[in-house]
C-alpha atoms as a PDB file:
ATOM      1  CA  MET A   1       4.021   3.545   2.056  1.00  0.00           C
ATOM      2  CA  GLU A   2       2.926   0.258   3.534  1.00  0.00           C
ATOM      3  CA  VAL A   3      -0.530  -0.568   2.176  1.00  0.00           C
ATOM      4  CA  VAL A   4      -2.973  -2.408   4.459  1.00  0.00           C
ATOM      5  CA  PRO A   5      -5.026  -4.822   2.311  1.00  0.00           C
ATOM      6  CA  GLY A   6      -8.777  -4.410   2.659  1.00  0.00           C
ATOM      7  CA  HIS A   7      -8.567  -1.146   4.625  1.00  0.00           C
ATOM      8  CA  PRO A   8      -9.051   1.810   2.284  1.00  0.00           C
ATOM      9  CA  ASP A   9      -9.787   4.063   5.272  1.00  0.00           C
ATOM     10  CA  ILE A  10      -6.360   3.440   6.801  1.00  0.00           C
ATOM     11  CA  ASN A  11      -4.574   3.626   3.451  1.00  0.00           C
ATOM     12  CA  VAL A  12      -6.171   6.937   2.479  1.00  0.00           C
ATOM     13  CA  LYS A  13      -5.363   8.383   5.900  1.00  0.00           C
ATOM     14  CA  LYS A  14      -1.702   7.500   5.257  1.00  0.00           C
ATOM     15  CA  MET A  15      -1.894   8.918   1.730  1.00  0.00           C
ATOM     16  CA  LEU A  16      -3.344  12.215   2.953  1.00  0.00           C
ATOM     17  CA  ALA A  17      -0.541  12.495   5.523  1.00  0.00           C
ATOM     18  CA  GLU A  18       2.049  11.886   2.784  1.00  0.00           C
ATOM     19  CA  ILE A  19       0.391  14.480   0.523  1.00  0.00           C
ATOM     20  CA  LYS A  20       0.519  16.993   3.379  1.00  0.00           C
ATOM     21  CA  LYS A  21       4.242  16.297   3.907  1.00  0.00           C
ATOM     22  CA  ALA A  22       4.912  16.606   0.178  1.00  0.00           C
ATOM     23  CA  ARG A  23       3.146  19.975   0.034  1.00  0.00           C
ATOM     24  CA  ALA A  24       5.108  21.243   3.029  1.00  0.00           C
ATOM     25  CA  ALA A  25       8.339  20.172   1.337  1.00  0.00           C
ATOM     26  CA  GLY A  26       7.350  22.019  -1.844  1.00  0.00           C
ATOM     27  CA  ASP A  27       7.111  18.851  -3.909  1.00  0.00           C
ATOM     28  CA  GLU A  28       5.073  19.119  -7.087  1.00  0.00           C
ATOM     29  CA  MET A  29       4.103  15.464  -7.359  1.00  0.00           C
ATOM     30  CA  ILE A  30       3.706  12.401  -5.196  1.00  0.00           C
ATOM     31  CA  VAL A  31       3.379   8.827  -6.482  1.00  0.00           C
ATOM     32  CA  PHE A  32       1.650   6.043  -4.570  1.00  0.00           C
ATOM     33  CA  PRO A  33       1.859   2.300  -5.189  1.00  0.00           C
ATOM     34  CA  GLU A  34      -0.603   0.528  -7.428  1.00  0.00           C
ATOM     35  CA  MET A  35      -3.717  -0.509  -5.473  1.00  0.00           C
ATOM     36  CA  ALA A  36      -2.755   1.922  -2.688  1.00  0.00           C
ATOM     37  CA  VAL A  37      -6.386   2.545  -1.724  1.00  0.00           C
ATOM     38  CA  PRO A  38      -7.850  -0.992  -1.473  1.00  0.00           C
ATOM     39  CA  GLY A  39      -4.679  -3.063  -1.205  1.00  0.00           C
ATOM     40  CA  TYR A  40      -3.980  -6.490  -2.704  1.00  0.00           C
ATOM     41  CA  LEU A  41      -4.968  -9.985  -1.529  1.00  0.00           C
ATOM     42  CA  LEU A  42      -8.645  -9.195  -1.153  1.00  0.00           C
ATOM     43  CA  GLY A  43     -10.161 -12.360  -2.590  1.00  0.00           C
ATOM     44  CA  ASP A  44     -13.951 -12.152  -2.670  1.00  0.00           C
ATOM     45  CA  GLU A  45     -13.984  -8.678  -1.109  1.00  0.00           C
ATOM     46  CA  TRP A  46     -14.454  -7.231  -4.612  1.00  0.00           C
ATOM     47  CA  GLU A  47     -17.921  -8.814  -4.590  1.00  0.00           C
ATOM     48  CA  ASN A  48     -18.803  -6.944  -1.384  1.00  0.00           C
ATOM     49  CA  THR A  49     -20.813  -3.917  -2.562  1.00  0.00           C
ATOM     50  CA  ALA A  50     -20.118  -1.916   0.612  1.00  0.00           C
ATOM     51  CA  PHE A  51     -16.354  -2.404   0.222  1.00  0.00           C
ATOM     52  CA  VAL A  52     -16.426  -1.345  -3.434  1.00  0.00           C
ATOM     53  CA  LYS A  53     -18.475   1.756  -2.547  1.00  0.00           C
ATOM     54  CA  ASP A  54     -15.940   2.587   0.178  1.00  0.00           C
ATOM     55  CA  CYS A  55     -13.132   2.333  -2.377  1.00  0.00           C
ATOM     56  CA  TYR A  56     -14.983   4.686  -4.738  1.00  0.00           C
ATOM     57  CA  HIS A  57     -15.513   7.119  -1.858  1.00  0.00           C
ATOM     58  CA  TYR A  58     -11.862   7.091  -0.815  1.00  0.00           C
ATOM     59  CA  ASN A  59     -10.704   7.433  -4.426  1.00  0.00           C
ATOM     60  CA  ALA A  60     -12.848  10.587  -4.590  1.00  0.00           C
ATOM     61  CA  VAL A  61     -11.144  11.904  -1.436  1.00  0.00           C
ATOM     62  CA  ILE A  62      -7.729  11.497  -3.077  1.00  0.00           C
ATOM     63  CA  LYS A  63      -9.069  12.999  -6.310  1.00  0.00           C
ATOM     64  CA  LYS A  64     -10.053  16.187  -4.435  1.00  0.00           C
ATOM     65  CA  CYS A  65      -6.462  16.550  -3.242  1.00  0.00           C
ATOM     66  CA  HIS A  66      -5.330  16.115  -6.831  1.00  0.00           C
ATOM     67  CA  THR A  67      -6.841  19.471  -7.816  1.00  0.00           C
ATOM     68  CA  ARG A  68      -4.419  21.190  -5.466  1.00  0.00           C
ATOM     69  CA  HIS A  69      -1.459  18.825  -5.699  1.00  0.00           C
ATOM     70  CA  ARG A  70      -0.410  16.328  -8.337  1.00  0.00           C
ATOM     71  CA  SER A  71      -0.706  12.776  -7.130  1.00  0.00           C
ATOM     72  CA  CYS A  72      -0.549   9.485  -8.944  1.00  0.00           C
ATOM     73  CA  VAL A  73      -1.611   5.996  -7.978  1.00  0.00           C
ATOM     74  CA  GLY A  74      -0.216   3.301 -10.208  1.00  0.00           C
ATOM     75  CA  GLU A  75       2.697   1.137 -11.024  1.00  0.00           C
ATOM     76  CA  CYS A  76       6.061   2.157 -12.356  1.00  0.00           C
ATOM     77  CA  ARG A  77       7.909  -0.123 -14.691  1.00  0.00           C
ATOM     78  CA  TYR A  78      11.509  -0.045 -15.721  1.00  0.00           C
ATOM     79  CA  ARG A  79      12.514  -1.725 -18.933  1.00  0.00           C
ATOM     80  CA  TYR A  80      15.984  -3.104 -18.941  1.00  0.00           C
ATOM     81  CA  PRO A  81      17.866  -2.572 -22.180  1.00  0.00           C
ATOM     82  CA  THR A  82      18.039  -5.710 -24.287  1.00  0.00           C
ATOM     83  CA  LYS A  83      21.417  -7.102 -25.202  1.00  0.00           C
ATOM     84  CA  LYS A  84      22.237  -7.087 -28.887  1.00  0.00           C
END
């Protein structure tokens, strides 16, 4: 999913569409990228109270979907085996 920085409304709309597709396909879980709701490269936007409230609101929208379908927003890390 391509995340649009600073546009939680657009990002959540995309996420809801992906959740709908996952349900239709019978998937049990869907994973979204870290910062999928607000996006990166926001600068001072985190000091904008209205923006932060919007992010909380849209996180709640995704959370409601979570009760019916497992979803995860976060980062995945792979650890490469170390050479001995």
